[in-house]
Amino acid sequence: VTQNIDDLHERGGARQVVHMHGEL
């Protein structure tokens, strides 16, 4: 779960990220 609205988790290889504050 991330509070971040960036996509760095996905670019780091994660595929199932919960963006609780949305996505930029």
mmCIF file of all heavy atoms, coordinates in Angstrom:
data_MODEL
# 
_entry.id   MODEL 
# 
loop_
_atom_site.group_PDB 
_atom_site.id 
_atom_site.type_symbol 
_atom_site.label_atom_id 
_atom_site.label_alt_id 
_atom_site.label_comp_id 
_atom_site.label_asym_id 
_atom_site.label_entity_id 
_atom_site.label_seq_id 
_atom_site.pdbx_PDB_ins_code 
_atom_site.Cartn_x 
_atom_site.Cartn_y 
_atom_site.Cartn_z 
_atom_site.occupancy 
_atom_site.B_iso_or_equiv 
_atom_site.pdbx_formal_charge 
_atom_site.auth_seq_id 
_atom_site.auth_comp_id 
_atom_site.auth_asym_id 
_atom_site.auth_atom_id 
_atom_site.pdbx_PDB_model_num 
ATOM 1   N N   . VAL A 1 1  ? 0.858  -1.180 0.000   1.00 0.00 ? 1  VAL A N   1 
ATOM 2   C CA  . VAL A 1 1  ? 0.000  0.000  0.000   1.00 0.00 ? 1  VAL A CA  1 
ATOM 3   C C   . VAL A 1 1  ? 0.894  1.229  0.000   1.00 0.00 ? 1  VAL A C   1 
ATOM 4   O O   . VAL A 1 1  ? 1.821  1.320  0.810   1.00 0.00 ? 1  VAL A O   1 
ATOM 5   C CB  . VAL A 1 1  ? -0.913 0.033  1.246   1.00 0.00 ? 1  VAL A CB  1 
ATOM 6   C CG1 . VAL A 1 1  ? -1.822 1.264  1.224   1.00 0.00 ? 1  VAL A CG1 1 
ATOM 7   C CG2 . VAL A 1 1  ? -1.729 -1.243 1.359   1.00 0.00 ? 1  VAL A CG2 1 
ATOM 8   N N   . THR A 1 2  ? 0.631  2.157  -0.897  1.00 0.00 ? 2  THR A N   1 
ATOM 9   C CA  . THR A 1 2  ? 1.434  3.378  -0.899  1.00 0.00 ? 2  THR A CA  1 
ATOM 10  C C   . THR A 1 2  ? 0.551  4.609  -0.801  1.00 0.00 ? 2  THR A C   1 
ATOM 11  O O   . THR A 1 2  ? -0.547 4.648  -1.356  1.00 0.00 ? 2  THR A O   1 
ATOM 12  C CB  . THR A 1 2  ? 2.336  3.458  -2.145  1.00 0.00 ? 2  THR A CB  1 
ATOM 13  O OG1 . THR A 1 2  ? 3.202  4.596  -2.021  1.00 0.00 ? 2  THR A OG1 1 
ATOM 14  C CG2 . THR A 1 2  ? 1.527  3.575  -3.438  1.00 0.00 ? 2  THR A CG2 1 
ATOM 15  N N   . GLN A 1 3  ? 1.058  5.597  -0.073  1.00 0.00 ? 3  GLN A N   1 
ATOM 16  C CA  . GLN A 1 3  ? 0.423  6.908  -0.041  1.00 0.00 ? 3  GLN A CA  1 
ATOM 17  C C   . GLN A 1 3  ? 0.922  7.768  -1.203  1.00 0.00 ? 3  GLN A C   1 
ATOM 18  O O   . GLN A 1 3  ? 0.414  8.870  -1.413  1.00 0.00 ? 3  GLN A O   1 
ATOM 19  C CB  . GLN A 1 3  ? 0.754  7.612  1.282   1.00 0.00 ? 3  GLN A CB  1 
ATOM 20  C CG  . GLN A 1 3  ? 0.256  6.866  2.512   1.00 0.00 ? 3  GLN A CG  1 
ATOM 21  C CD  . GLN A 1 3  ? 0.771  7.506  3.782   1.00 0.00 ? 3  GLN A CD  1 
ATOM 22  O OE1 . GLN A 1 3  ? 0.175  8.446  4.307   1.00 0.00 ? 3  GLN A OE1 1 
ATOM 23  N NE2 . GLN A 1 3  ? 1.899  7.028  4.291   1.00 0.00 ? 3  GLN A NE2 1 
ATOM 24  N N   . ASN A 1 4  ? 1.912  7.278  -1.925  1.00 0.00 ? 4  ASN A N   1 
ATOM 25  C CA  . ASN A 1 4  ? 2.529  8.044  -3.001  1.00 0.00 ? 4  ASN A CA  1 
ATOM 26  C C   . ASN A 1 4  ? 1.703  7.951  -4.276  1.00 0.00 ? 4  ASN A C   1 
ATOM 27  O O   . ASN A 1 4  ? 1.136  6.906  -4.591  1.00 0.00 ? 4  ASN A O   1 
ATOM 28  C CB  . ASN A 1 4  ? 3.946  7.539  -3.270  1.00 0.00 ? 4  ASN A CB  1 
ATOM 29  C CG  . ASN A 1 4  ? 4.835  7.652  -2.048  1.00 0.00 ? 4  ASN A CG  1 
ATOM 30  O OD1 . ASN A 1 4  ? 4.572  8.469  -1.168  1.00 0.00 ? 4  ASN A OD1 1 
ATOM 31  N ND2 . ASN A 1 4  ? 5.863  6.837  -1.983  1.00 0.00 ? 4  ASN A ND2 1 
ATOM 32  N N   . ILE A 1 5  ? 1.698  9.043  -5.031  1.00 0.00 ? 5  ILE A N   1 
ATOM 33  C CA  . ILE A 1 5  ? 0.955  9.056  -6.286  1.00 0.00 ? 5  ILE A CA  1 
ATOM 34  C C   . ILE A 1 5  ? 1.877  8.872  -7.488  1.00 0.00 ? 5  ILE A C   1 
ATOM 35  O O   . ILE A 1 5  ? 1.429  8.928  -8.628  1.00 0.00 ? 5  ILE A O   1 
ATOM 36  C CB  . ILE A 1 5  ? 0.116  10.341 -6.436  1.00 0.00 ? 5  ILE A CB  1 
ATOM 37  C CG1 . ILE A 1 5  ? 0.995  11.600 -6.396  1.00 0.00 ? 5  ILE A CG1 1 
ATOM 38  C CG2 . ILE A 1 5  ? -0.948 10.405 -5.342  1.00 0.00 ? 5  ILE A CG2 1 
ATOM 39  C CD1 . ILE A 1 5  ? 0.215  12.904 -6.645  1.00 0.00 ? 5  ILE A CD1 1 
ATOM 40  N N   . ASP A 1 6  ? 3.161  8.618  -7.232  1.00 0.00 ? 6  ASP A N   1 
ATOM 41  C CA  . ASP A 1 6  ? 4.090  8.337  -8.327  1.00 0.00 ? 6  ASP A CA  1 
ATOM 42  C C   . ASP A 1 6  ? 3.996  6.863  -8.737  1.00 0.00 ? 6  ASP A C   1 
ATOM 43  O O   . ASP A 1 6  ? 3.307  6.070  -8.104  1.00 0.00 ? 6  ASP A O   1 
ATOM 44  C CB  . ASP A 1 6  ? 5.529  8.709  -7.929  1.00 0.00 ? 6  ASP A CB  1 
ATOM 45  C CG  . ASP A 1 6  ? 6.043  7.911  -6.721  1.00 0.00 ? 6  ASP A CG  1 
ATOM 46  O OD1 . ASP A 1 6  ? 6.107  6.666  -6.817  1.00 0.00 ? 6  ASP A OD1 1 
ATOM 47  O OD2 . ASP A 1 6  ? 6.384  8.525  -5.690  1.00 0.00 ? 6  ASP A OD2 1 
ATOM 48  N N   . ASP A 1 7  ? 4.724  6.510  -9.810  1.00 0.00 ? 7  ASP A N   1 
ATOM 49  C CA  . ASP A 1 7  ? 4.691  5.138  -10.321 1.00 0.00 ? 7  ASP A CA  1 
ATOM 50  C C   . ASP A 1 7  ? 6.008  4.410  -10.089 1.00 0.00 ? 7  ASP A C   1 
ATOM 51  O O   . ASP A 1 7  ? 6.321  3.433  -10.790 1.00 0.00 ? 7  ASP A O   1 
ATOM 52  C CB  . ASP A 1 7  ? 4.371  5.136  -11.829 1.00 0.00 ? 7  ASP A CB  1 
ATOM 53  C CG  . ASP A 1 7  ? 5.487  5.765  -12.672 1.00 0.00 ? 7  ASP A CG  1 
ATOM 54  O OD1 . ASP A 1 7  ? 6.277  6.578  -12.124 1.00 0.00 ? 7  ASP A OD1 1 
ATOM 55  O OD2 . ASP A 1 7  ? 5.561  5.435  -13.873 1.00 0.00 ? 7  ASP A OD2 1 
ATOM 56  N N   . LEU A 1 8  ? 6.790  4.835  -9.099  1.00 0.00 ? 8  LEU A N   1 
ATOM 57  C CA  . LEU A 1 8  ? 8.112  4.267  -8.902  1.00 0.00 ? 8  LEU A CA  1 
ATOM 58  C C   . LEU A 1 8  ? 8.069  2.835  -8.387  1.00 0.00 ? 8  LEU A C   1 
ATOM 59  O O   . LEU A 1 8  ? 8.978  2.046  -8.672  1.00 0.00 ? 8  LEU A O   1 
ATOM 60  C CB  . LEU A 1 8  ? 8.938  5.155  -7.976  1.00 0.00 ? 8  LEU A CB  1 
ATOM 61  C CG  . LEU A 1 8  ? 9.265  6.542  -8.552  1.00 0.00 ? 8  LEU A CG  1 
ATOM 62  C CD1 . LEU A 1 8  ? 10.043 7.373  -7.539  1.00 0.00 ? 8  LEU A CD1 1 
ATOM 63  C CD2 . LEU A 1 8  ? 10.044 6.429  -9.854  1.00 0.00 ? 8  LEU A CD2 1 
ATOM 64  N N   . HIS A 1 9  ? 7.023  2.454  -7.641  1.00 0.00 ? 9  HIS A N   1 
ATOM 65  C CA  . HIS A 1 9  ? 6.905  1.045  -7.241  1.00 0.00 ? 9  HIS A CA  1 
ATOM 66  C C   . HIS A 1 9  ? 6.735  0.158  -8.471  1.00 0.00 ? 9  HIS A C   1 
ATOM 67  O O   . HIS A 1 9  ? 7.366  -0.894 -8.584  1.00 0.00 ? 9  HIS A O   1 
ATOM 68  C CB  . HIS A 1 9  ? 5.714  0.856  -6.299  1.00 0.00 ? 9  HIS A CB  1 
ATOM 69  C CG  . HIS A 1 9  ? 6.007  1.239  -4.883  1.00 0.00 ? 9  HIS A CG  1 
ATOM 70  N ND1 . HIS A 1 9  ? 7.042  0.689  -4.147  1.00 0.00 ? 9  HIS A ND1 1 
ATOM 71  C CD2 . HIS A 1 9  ? 5.390  2.112  -4.043  1.00 0.00 ? 9  HIS A CD2 1 
ATOM 72  C CE1 . HIS A 1 9  ? 7.046  1.209  -2.928  1.00 0.00 ? 9  HIS A CE1 1 
ATOM 73  N NE2 . HIS A 1 9  ? 6.064  2.072  -2.845  1.00 0.00 ? 9  HIS A NE2 1 
ATOM 74  N N   . GLU A 1 10 ? 5.880  0.592  -9.381  1.00 0.00 ? 10 GLU A N   1 
ATOM 75  C CA  . GLU A 1 10 ? 5.673  -0.194 -10.591 1.00 0.00 ? 10 GLU A CA  1 
ATOM 76  C C   . GLU A 1 10 ? 6.940  -0.253 -11.436 1.00 0.00 ? 10 GLU A C   1 
ATOM 77  O O   . GLU A 1 10 ? 7.304  -1.315 -11.960 1.00 0.00 ? 10 GLU A O   1 
ATOM 78  C CB  . GLU A 1 10 ? 4.522  0.403  -11.414 1.00 0.00 ? 10 GLU A CB  1 
ATOM 79  C CG  . GLU A 1 10 ? 3.139  0.159  -10.830 1.00 0.00 ? 10 GLU A CG  1 
ATOM 80  C CD  . GLU A 1 10 ? 2.725  1.161  -9.766  1.00 0.00 ? 10 GLU A CD  1 
ATOM 81  O OE1 . GLU A 1 10 ? 3.558  2.018  -9.384  1.00 0.00 ? 10 GLU A OE1 1 
ATOM 82  O OE2 . GLU A 1 10 ? 1.577  1.109  -9.304  1.00 0.00 ? 10 GLU A OE2 1 
ATOM 83  N N   . ARG A 1 11 ? 7.624  0.859  -11.562 1.00 0.00 ? 11 ARG A N   1 
ATOM 84  C CA  . ARG A 1 11 ? 8.877  0.866  -12.321 1.00 0.00 ? 11 ARG A CA  1 
ATOM 85  C C   . ARG A 1 11 ? 9.949  0.042  -11.621 1.00 0.00 ? 11 ARG A C   1 
ATOM 86  O O   . ARG A 1 11 ? 10.892 -0.445 -12.260 1.00 0.00 ? 11 ARG A O   1 
ATOM 87  C CB  . ARG A 1 11 ? 9.360  2.297  -12.536 1.00 0.00 ? 11 ARG A CB  1 
ATOM 88  C CG  . ARG A 1 11 ? 8.589  3.036  -13.604 1.00 0.00 ? 11 ARG A CG  1 
ATOM 89  C CD  . ARG A 1 11 ? 9.367  4.252  -14.049 1.00 0.00 ? 11 ARG A CD  1 
ATOM 90  N NE  . ARG A 1 11 ? 8.831  5.494  -13.530 1.00 0.00 ? 11 ARG A NE  1 
ATOM 91  C CZ  . ARG A 1 11 ? 9.466  6.657  -13.566 1.00 0.00 ? 11 ARG A CZ  1 
ATOM 92  N NH1 . ARG A 1 11 ? 10.692 6.723  -14.066 1.00 0.00 ? 11 ARG A NH1 1 
ATOM 93  N NH2 . ARG A 1 11 ? 8.903  7.751  -13.079 1.00 0.00 ? 11 ARG A NH2 1 
ATOM 94  N N   . GLY A 1 12 ? 9.802  -0.141 -10.303 1.00 0.00 ? 12 GLY A N   1 
ATOM 95  C CA  . GLY A 1 12 ? 10.734 -0.970 -9.551  1.00 0.00 ? 12 GLY A CA  1 
ATOM 96  C C   . GLY A 1 12 ? 10.392 -2.442 -9.575  1.00 0.00 ? 12 GLY A C   1 
ATOM 97  O O   . GLY A 1 12 ? 11.097 -3.247 -8.958  1.00 0.00 ? 12 GLY A O   1 
ATOM 98  N N   . GLY A 1 13 ? 9.316  -2.813 -10.263 1.00 0.00 ? 13 GLY A N   1 
ATOM 99  C CA  . GLY A 1 13 ? 9.000  -4.229 -10.440 1.00 0.00 ? 13 GLY A CA  1 
ATOM 100 C C   . GLY A 1 13 ? 7.751  -4.719 -9.756  1.00 0.00 ? 13 GLY A C   1 
ATOM 101 O O   . GLY A 1 13 ? 7.339  -5.858 -9.963  1.00 0.00 ? 13 GLY A O   1 
ATOM 102 N N   . ALA A 1 14 ? 7.111  -3.893 -8.916  1.00 0.00 ? 14 ALA A N   1 
ATOM 103 C CA  . ALA A 1 14 ? 5.876  -4.312 -8.258  1.00 0.00 ? 14 ALA A CA  1 
ATOM 104 C C   . ALA A 1 14 ? 4.709  -4.235 -9.243  1.00 0.00 ? 14 ALA A C   1 
ATOM 105 O O   . ALA A 1 14 ? 4.657  -3.340 -10.083 1.00 0.00 ? 14 ALA A O   1 
ATOM 106 C CB  . ALA A 1 14 ? 5.593  -3.454 -7.035  1.00 0.00 ? 14 ALA A CB  1 
ATOM 107 N N   . ARG A 1 15 ? 3.777  -5.159 -9.114  1.00 0.00 ? 15 ARG A N   1 
ATOM 108 C CA  . ARG A 1 15 ? 2.656  -5.216 -10.048 1.00 0.00 ? 15 ARG A CA  1 
ATOM 109 C C   . ARG A 1 15 ? 1.292  -5.085 -9.368  1.00 0.00 ? 15 ARG A C   1 
ATOM 110 O O   . ARG A 1 15 ? 0.298  -4.809 -10.034 1.00 0.00 ? 15 ARG A O   1 
ATOM 111 C CB  . ARG A 1 15 ? 2.707  -6.541 -10.833 1.00 0.00 ? 15 ARG A CB  1 
ATOM 112 C CG  . ARG A 1 15 ? 3.912  -6.629 -11.771 1.00 0.00 ? 15 ARG A CG  1 
ATOM 113 C CD  . ARG A 1 15 ? 3.783  -5.636 -12.898 1.00 0.00 ? 15 ARG A CD  1 
ATOM 114 N NE  . ARG A 1 15 ? 4.962  -5.603 -13.764 1.00 0.00 ? 15 ARG A NE  1 
ATOM 115 C CZ  . ARG A 1 15 ? 5.961  -4.734 -13.637 1.00 0.00 ? 15 ARG A CZ  1 
ATOM 116 N NH1 . ARG A 1 15 ? 5.926  -3.807 -12.678 1.00 0.00 ? 15 ARG A NH1 1 
ATOM 117 N NH2 . ARG A 1 15 ? 6.992  -4.763 -14.455 1.00 0.00 ? 15 ARG A NH2 1 
ATOM 118 N N   . GLN A 1 16 ? 1.246  -5.285 -8.071  1.00 0.00 ? 16 GLN A N   1 
ATOM 119 C CA  . GLN A 1 16 ? -0.037 -5.250 -7.356  1.00 0.00 ? 16 GLN A CA  1 
ATOM 120 C C   . GLN A 1 16 ? 0.032  -4.180 -6.270  1.00 0.00 ? 16 GLN A C   1 
ATOM 121 O O   . GLN A 1 16 ? 0.060  -4.485 -5.073  1.00 0.00 ? 16 GLN A O   1 
ATOM 122 C CB  . GLN A 1 16 ? -0.350 -6.623 -6.741  1.00 0.00 ? 16 GLN A CB  1 
ATOM 123 C CG  . GLN A 1 16 ? -0.381 -7.768 -7.733  1.00 0.00 ? 16 GLN A CG  1 
ATOM 124 C CD  . GLN A 1 16 ? -1.498 -7.625 -8.747  1.00 0.00 ? 16 GLN A CD  1 
ATOM 125 O OE1 . GLN A 1 16 ? -2.605 -7.170 -8.419  1.00 0.00 ? 16 GLN A OE1 1 
ATOM 126 N NE2 . GLN A 1 16 ? -1.241 -8.022 -9.972  1.00 0.00 ? 16 GLN A NE2 1 
ATOM 127 N N   . VAL A 1 17 ? 0.080  -2.927 -6.679  1.00 0.00 ? 17 VAL A N   1 
ATOM 128 C CA  . VAL A 1 17 ? 0.243  -1.813 -5.740  1.00 0.00 ? 17 VAL A CA  1 
ATOM 129 C C   . VAL A 1 17 ? -1.107 -1.149 -5.492  1.00 0.00 ? 17 VAL A C   1 
ATOM 130 O O   . VAL A 1 17 ? -1.824 -0.833 -6.443  1.00 0.00 ? 17 VAL A O   1 
ATOM 131 C CB  . VAL A 1 17 ? 1.238  -0.773 -6.284  1.00 0.00 ? 17 VAL A CB  1 
ATOM 132 C CG1 . VAL A 1 17 ? 1.485  0.327  -5.251  1.00 0.00 ? 17 VAL A CG1 1 
ATOM 133 C CG2 . VAL A 1 17 ? 2.551  -1.437 -6.697  1.00 0.00 ? 17 VAL A CG2 1 
ATOM 134 N N   . VAL A 1 18 ? -1.445 -0.951 -4.234  1.00 0.00 ? 18 VAL A N   1 
ATOM 135 C CA  . VAL A 1 18 ? -2.650 -0.208 -3.868  1.00 0.00 ? 18 VAL A CA  1 
ATOM 136 C C   . VAL A 1 18 ? -2.253 1.250  -3.663  1.00 0.00 ? 18 VAL A C   1 
ATOM 137 O O   . VAL A 1 18 ? -1.550 1.588  -2.707  1.00 0.00 ? 18 VAL A O   1 
ATOM 138 C CB  . VAL A 1 18 ? -3.291 -0.774 -2.585  1.00 0.00 ? 18 VAL A CB  1 
ATOM 139 C CG1 . VAL A 1 18 ? -4.475 0.094  -2.157  1.00 0.00 ? 18 VAL A CG1 1 
ATOM 140 C CG2 . VAL A 1 18 ? -3.740 -2.214 -2.801  1.00 0.00 ? 18 VAL A CG2 1 
ATOM 141 N N   . HIS A 1 19 ? -2.691 2.114  -4.564  1.00 0.00 ? 19 HIS A N   1 
ATOM 142 C CA  . HIS A 1 19 ? -2.414 3.554  -4.458  1.00 0.00 ? 19 HIS A CA  1 
ATOM 143 C C   . HIS A 1 19 ? -3.586 4.203  -3.719  1.00 0.00 ? 19 HIS A C   1 
ATOM 144 O O   . HIS A 1 19 ? -4.535 4.672  -4.331  1.00 0.00 ? 19 HIS A O   1 
ATOM 145 C CB  . HIS A 1 19 ? -2.269 4.163  -5.851  1.00 0.00 ? 19 HIS A CB  1 
ATOM 146 C CG  . HIS A 1 19 ? -0.957 3.876  -6.512  1.00 0.00 ? 19 HIS A CG  1 
ATOM 147 N ND1 . HIS A 1 19 ? 0.146  4.696  -6.373  1.00 0.00 ? 19 HIS A ND1 1 
ATOM 148 C CD2 . HIS A 1 19 ? -0.572 2.858  -7.315  1.00 0.00 ? 19 HIS A CD2 1 
ATOM 149 C CE1 . HIS A 1 19 ? 1.152  4.194  -7.066  1.00 0.00 ? 19 HIS A CE1 1 
ATOM 150 N NE2 . HIS A 1 19 ? 0.749  3.083  -7.652  1.00 0.00 ? 19 HIS A NE2 1 
ATOM 151 N N   . MET A 1 20 ? -3.490 4.263  -2.402  1.00 0.00 ? 20 MET A N   1 
ATOM 152 C CA  . MET A 1 20 ? -4.626 4.732  -1.617  1.00 0.00 ? 20 MET A CA  1 
ATOM 153 C C   . MET A 1 20 ? -4.912 6.221  -1.838  1.00 0.00 ? 20 MET A C   1 
ATOM 154 O O   . MET A 1 20 ? -6.026 6.679  -1.583  1.00 0.00 ? 20 MET A O   1 
ATOM 155 C CB  . MET A 1 20 ? -4.429 4.431  -0.129  1.00 0.00 ? 20 MET A CB  1 
ATOM 156 C CG  . MET A 1 20 ? -3.253 5.107  0.523   1.00 0.00 ? 20 MET A CG  1 
ATOM 157 S SD  . MET A 1 20 ? -3.106 4.700  2.289   1.00 0.00 ? 20 MET A SD  1 
ATOM 158 C CE  . MET A 1 20 ? -4.566 5.499  2.980   1.00 0.00 ? 20 MET A CE  1 
ATOM 159 N N   . HIS A 1 21 ? -3.924 6.966  -2.313  1.00 0.00 ? 21 HIS A N   1 
ATOM 160 C CA  . HIS A 1 21 ? -4.125 8.391  -2.593  1.00 0.00 ? 21 HIS A CA  1 
ATOM 161 C C   . HIS A 1 21 ? -4.187 8.689  -4.085  1.00 0.00 ? 21 HIS A C   1 
ATOM 162 O O   . HIS A 1 21 ? -4.085 9.847  -4.488  1.00 0.00 ? 21 HIS A O   1 
ATOM 163 C CB  . HIS A 1 21 ? -3.019 9.220  -1.936  1.00 0.00 ? 21 HIS A CB  1 
ATOM 164 C CG  . HIS A 1 21 ? -3.109 9.231  -0.439  1.00 0.00 ? 21 HIS A CG  1 
ATOM 165 N ND1 . HIS A 1 21 ? -2.070 9.621  0.374   1.00 0.00 ? 21 HIS A ND1 1 
ATOM 166 C CD2 . HIS A 1 21 ? -4.124 8.900  0.396   1.00 0.00 ? 21 HIS A CD2 1 
ATOM 167 C CE1 . HIS A 1 21 ? -2.442 9.520  1.650   1.00 0.00 ? 21 HIS A CE1 1 
ATOM 168 N NE2 . HIS A 1 21 ? -3.684 9.085  1.679   1.00 0.00 ? 21 HIS A NE2 1 
ATOM 169 N N   . GLY A 1 22 ? -4.365 7.652  -4.903  1.00 0.00 ? 22 GLY A N   1 
ATOM 170 C CA  . GLY A 1 22 ? -4.511 7.843  -6.331  1.00 0.00 ? 22 GLY A CA  1 
ATOM 171 C C   . GLY A 1 22 ? -3.192 7.803  -7.072  1.00 0.00 ? 22 GLY A C   1 
ATOM 172 O O   . GLY A 1 22 ? -2.140 7.466  -6.510  1.00 0.00 ? 22 GLY A O   1 
ATOM 173 N N   . GLU A 1 23 ? -3.251 8.163  -8.361  1.00 0.00 ? 23 GLU A N   1 
ATOM 174 C CA  . GLU A 1 23 ? -2.082 8.055  -9.229  1.00 0.00 ? 23 GLU A CA  1 
ATOM 175 C C   . GLU A 1 23 ? -1.944 9.306  -10.086 1.00 0.00 ? 23 GLU A C   1 
ATOM 176 O O   . GLU A 1 23 ? -2.889 9.721  -10.756 1.00 0.00 ? 23 GLU A O   1 
ATOM 177 C CB  . GLU A 1 23 ? -2.202 6.832  -10.128 1.00 0.00 ? 23 GLU A CB  1 
ATOM 178 C CG  . GLU A 1 23 ? -2.293 5.517  -9.370  1.00 0.00 ? 23 GLU A CG  1 
ATOM 179 C CD  . GLU A 1 23 ? -2.442 4.330  -10.292 1.00 0.00 ? 23 GLU A CD  1 
ATOM 180 O OE1 . GLU A 1 23 ? -1.502 4.070  -11.072 1.00 0.00 ? 23 GLU A OE1 1 
ATOM 181 O OE2 . GLU A 1 23 ? -3.505 3.681  -10.258 1.00 0.00 ? 23 GLU A OE2 1 
ATOM 182 N N   . LEU A 1 24 ? -0.755 9.878  -10.071 1.00 0.00 ? 24 LEU A N   1 
ATOM 183 C CA  . LEU A 1 24 ? -0.490 11.094 -10.816 1.00 0.00 ? 24 LEU A CA  1 
ATOM 184 C C   . LEU A 1 24 ? -0.577 10.872 -12.324 1.00 0.00 ? 24 LEU A C   1 
ATOM 185 O O   . LEU A 1 24 ? -0.948 11.788 -13.069 1.00 0.00 ? 24 LEU A O   1 
ATOM 186 C CB  . LEU A 1 24 ? 0.898  11.624 -10.442 1.00 0.00 ? 24 LEU A CB  1 
ATOM 187 C CG  . LEU A 1 24 ? 1.329  12.979 -10.998 1.00 0.00 ? 24 LEU A CG  1 
ATOM 188 C CD1 . LEU A 1 24 ? 0.345  14.078 -10.589 1.00 0.00 ? 24 LEU A CD1 1 
ATOM 189 C CD2 . LEU A 1 24 ? 2.732  13.315 -10.513 1.00 0.00 ? 24 LEU A CD2 1 
# 
